[in-house]
Structures are given as C-alpha cells and as structure tokens.
Amino acid sequence: MNDQAASPLGDINMGDIGAALASAGSQSTSMDAPAAPAAANAIRAAVSGQPVQSLDFILDIPLKVTVELGRSKMAIRDILQLAQGSVIELSKFAGEPLEVLVNEKLIARGEVVVVNEKFGVRLTDIISPVERIEQLK
C-alpha cells in the first residue's frame, strides 16, 4: 500500500501525519484556541514533520451516541400487530445496566436517572481500552 498522497503542498507521508496525531495526544490541550486555526496548524505541522501541539482540531467532530435499553427480534407479522399500549419484551431484565454506545461501539454502562423531568444516564462503568480492543476481534 502506498503511504504517499498527492497534495498541492507536495508529497505527504501518511505515516508522518499519523505520528503527529499520536504525539498530539501526549501534548497539553488548550480549550481556548479556535478549532480552524488549530486544524490548519496541525496539518502544517504534520506536513513539515513538526509535532502537533493539540487535538483542538478534532473536538468539534460529531459522534453518534446511543443509549440502548435492550433489544428484541420480531417478525413483521408481530410488528404489524403493535398498537398503542403494546408491550415489547426486551433482551434485558429490569434493573440491568443500559449500554452507552459511541458510533455503535460499547464504551460504557449506566443507569437511568431523571433530572429536571428529563431522562439521563449516570455512567457506572467505563469500558477499559483492553475490553474495547477485544470488541474489534
């Protein structure tokens, strides 16, 4: 696989960009810096081989967060018979922790809470990096 990408800035080694992003994780971050200049600086640093100073340029990337109460498999015939007041049996028991997924990957478990008449989730268990890597297999 070719690690080089054509660019108006010249040849960019994708390995250098990855290394720059990885080194940025160990740098201190400034929450006050605007995202666009930070992104431009990170790209310039990656292209020039300098270390990236912060991860501010990725802080505004949207992620899909899902809280899963349970699952159920149903035949189309059963779904068509659902009406107001119908009960769907879920795969989990009452009181079991909810699963918190980010981009469809399990990252935590929690419990339902009510705050100011709105539902929320209190995280009770964060999935360890080792467990997350196991999910990839």
Protein backbone atom coordinates (compact mmCIF):
# COMPACT_ATOMS: atom_id res chain seq x y z
CA MET A 1 0.00 0.00 0.00
CA ASN A 2 1.31 3.45 -0.91
CA ASP A 3 1.83 5.69 2.11
CA GLN A 4 2.27 8.79 -0.06
CA ALA A 5 -0.65 11.06 -1.03
CA ALA A 6 -0.59 13.66 -3.80
CA SER A 7 -1.18 17.14 -2.44
CA PRO A 8 -0.85 20.76 -3.59
CA LEU A 9 1.58 21.07 -0.66
CA GLY A 10 3.81 18.35 -2.08
CA ASP A 11 4.14 14.71 -1.11
CA ILE A 12 2.60 13.92 2.26
CA ASN A 13 3.67 10.81 4.13
CA MET A 14 0.55 9.45 5.87
CA GLY A 15 2.79 7.83 8.48
CA ASP A 16 4.11 11.28 9.43
CA ILE A 17 0.57 12.57 9.85
CA GLY A 18 -0.38 9.58 12.00
CA ALA A 19 2.72 10.04 14.14
CA ALA A 20 1.95 13.74 14.51
CA LEU A 21 -1.61 13.00 15.60
CA ALA A 22 -0.41 10.35 18.05
CA SER A 23 2.13 12.71 19.57
CA ALA A 24 -0.61 15.33 19.92
CA GLY A 25 -2.37 13.07 22.38
CA SER A 26 0.53 13.43 24.81
CA GLN A 27 0.65 17.23 24.48
CA SER A 28 -1.36 19.59 26.67
CA THR A 29 -4.53 20.95 25.08
CA SER A 30 -5.86 24.47 25.13
CA MET A 31 -9.65 24.72 25.16
CA ASP A 32 -9.49 28.45 24.29
CA ALA A 33 -7.93 28.09 20.83
CA PRO A 34 -10.35 28.16 17.86
CA ALA A 35 -10.70 24.83 16.06
CA ALA A 36 -9.99 26.03 12.49
CA PRO A 37 -6.56 27.60 13.16
CA ALA A 38 -5.66 24.61 15.32
CA ALA A 39 -6.54 22.26 12.45
CA ALA A 40 -4.52 24.31 9.99
CA ASN A 41 -1.56 24.33 12.37
CA ALA A 42 -1.83 20.56 12.88
CA ILE A 43 -1.85 19.94 9.12
CA ARG A 44 1.11 22.29 8.60
CA ALA A 45 2.97 20.57 11.43
CA ALA A 46 2.23 17.10 10.03
CA VAL A 47 3.35 18.10 6.54
CA SER A 48 6.51 19.78 7.84
CA GLY A 49 7.32 16.96 10.26
CA GLN A 50 6.81 19.12 13.38
CA PRO A 51 4.83 17.69 16.31
CA VAL A 52 1.17 18.69 16.63
CA GLN A 53 0.59 20.81 19.75
CA SER A 54 -3.07 19.99 20.50
CA LEU A 55 -6.10 17.97 19.46
CA ASP A 56 -8.37 21.04 19.32
CA PHE A 57 -9.00 20.49 15.61
CA ILE A 58 -10.97 17.29 16.25
CA LEU A 59 -13.04 18.47 19.23
CA ASP A 60 -15.99 19.53 17.04
CA ILE A 61 -16.30 16.25 15.10
CA PRO A 62 -19.83 14.92 15.72
CA LEU A 63 -20.24 11.40 17.09
CA LYS A 64 -23.41 9.34 17.32
CA VAL A 65 -24.15 8.50 20.98
CA THR A 66 -26.77 5.81 21.59
CA VAL A 67 -28.13 4.53 24.89
CA GLU A 68 -29.53 1.05 24.49
CA LEU A 69 -32.17 -0.19 26.90
CA GLY A 70 -32.42 -3.61 25.27
CA ARG A 71 -33.08 -5.42 22.01
CA SER A 72 -35.79 -7.61 20.58
CA LYS A 73 -36.27 -9.60 17.38
CA MET A 74 -39.77 -9.64 15.98
CA ALA A 75 -41.41 -11.00 12.85
CA ILE A 76 -43.07 -8.50 10.54
CA ARG A 77 -46.44 -10.07 11.41
CA ASP A 78 -45.88 -9.19 15.09
CA ILE A 79 -44.73 -5.65 14.32
CA LEU A 80 -47.84 -5.03 12.22
CA GLN A 81 -50.00 -6.06 15.19
CA LEU A 82 -48.45 -3.46 17.53
CA ALA A 83 -50.81 -0.80 18.79
CA GLN A 84 -50.74 1.91 21.40
CA GLY A 85 -50.17 0.25 24.78
CA SER A 86 -48.45 -2.83 23.31
CA VAL A 87 -45.51 -4.19 25.28
CA ILE A 88 -42.34 -5.37 23.56
CA GLU A 89 -40.22 -7.80 25.56
CA LEU A 90 -36.56 -6.79 25.57
CA SER A 91 -33.45 -8.93 25.92
CA LYS A 92 -32.53 -7.37 29.28
CA PHE A 93 -34.12 -7.60 32.69
CA ALA A 94 -35.39 -4.62 34.66
CA GLY A 95 -32.55 -3.07 36.65
CA GLU A 96 -29.78 -4.26 34.33
CA PRO A 97 -27.38 -1.52 33.21
CA LEU A 98 -28.02 0.36 29.99
CA GLU A 99 -25.34 0.27 27.31
CA VAL A 100 -23.82 3.53 26.05
CA LEU A 101 -22.52 3.26 22.50
CA VAL A 102 -20.48 5.79 20.54
CA ASN A 103 -20.59 5.17 16.79
CA GLU A 104 -22.10 1.76 17.55
CA LYS A 105 -19.19 0.71 19.82
CA LEU A 106 -19.80 -0.03 23.50
CA ILE A 107 -17.92 2.49 25.67
CA ALA A 108 -19.83 2.45 28.98
CA ARG A 109 -22.72 1.10 31.01
CA GLY A 110 -25.05 3.14 33.16
CA GLU A 111 -28.40 3.59 34.81
CA VAL A 112 -31.41 5.78 34.07
CA VAL A 113 -31.75 8.98 36.07
CA VAL A 114 -34.32 11.76 35.95
CA VAL A 115 -33.00 15.33 36.11
CA ASN A 116 -35.42 18.27 35.89
CA GLU A 117 -38.12 15.98 34.45
CA LYS A 118 -35.76 14.77 31.69
CA PHE A 119 -34.23 11.33 31.37
CA GLY A 120 -30.48 10.91 31.53
CA VAL A 121 -27.88 8.23 32.07
CA ARG A 122 -25.48 8.02 35.00
CA LEU A 123 -22.36 6.18 33.88
CA THR A 124 -21.50 3.38 36.28
CA ASP A 125 -18.82 1.53 34.30
CA ILE A 126 -16.45 2.78 31.59
CA ILE A 127 -15.22 0.08 29.24
CA SER A 128 -11.44 -0.31 29.52
CA PRO A 129 -9.21 0.08 26.45
CA VAL A 130 -8.44 -3.65 26.64
CA GLU A 131 -12.15 -4.53 26.51
CA ARG A 132 -12.66 -2.13 23.57
CA ILE A 133 -9.83 -3.80 21.65
CA GLU A 134 -11.43 -7.20 22.35
CA GLN A 135 -14.66 -5.90 20.73
CA LEU A 136 -12.76 -5.35 17.47
CA LYS A 137 -11.89 -9.04 17.13
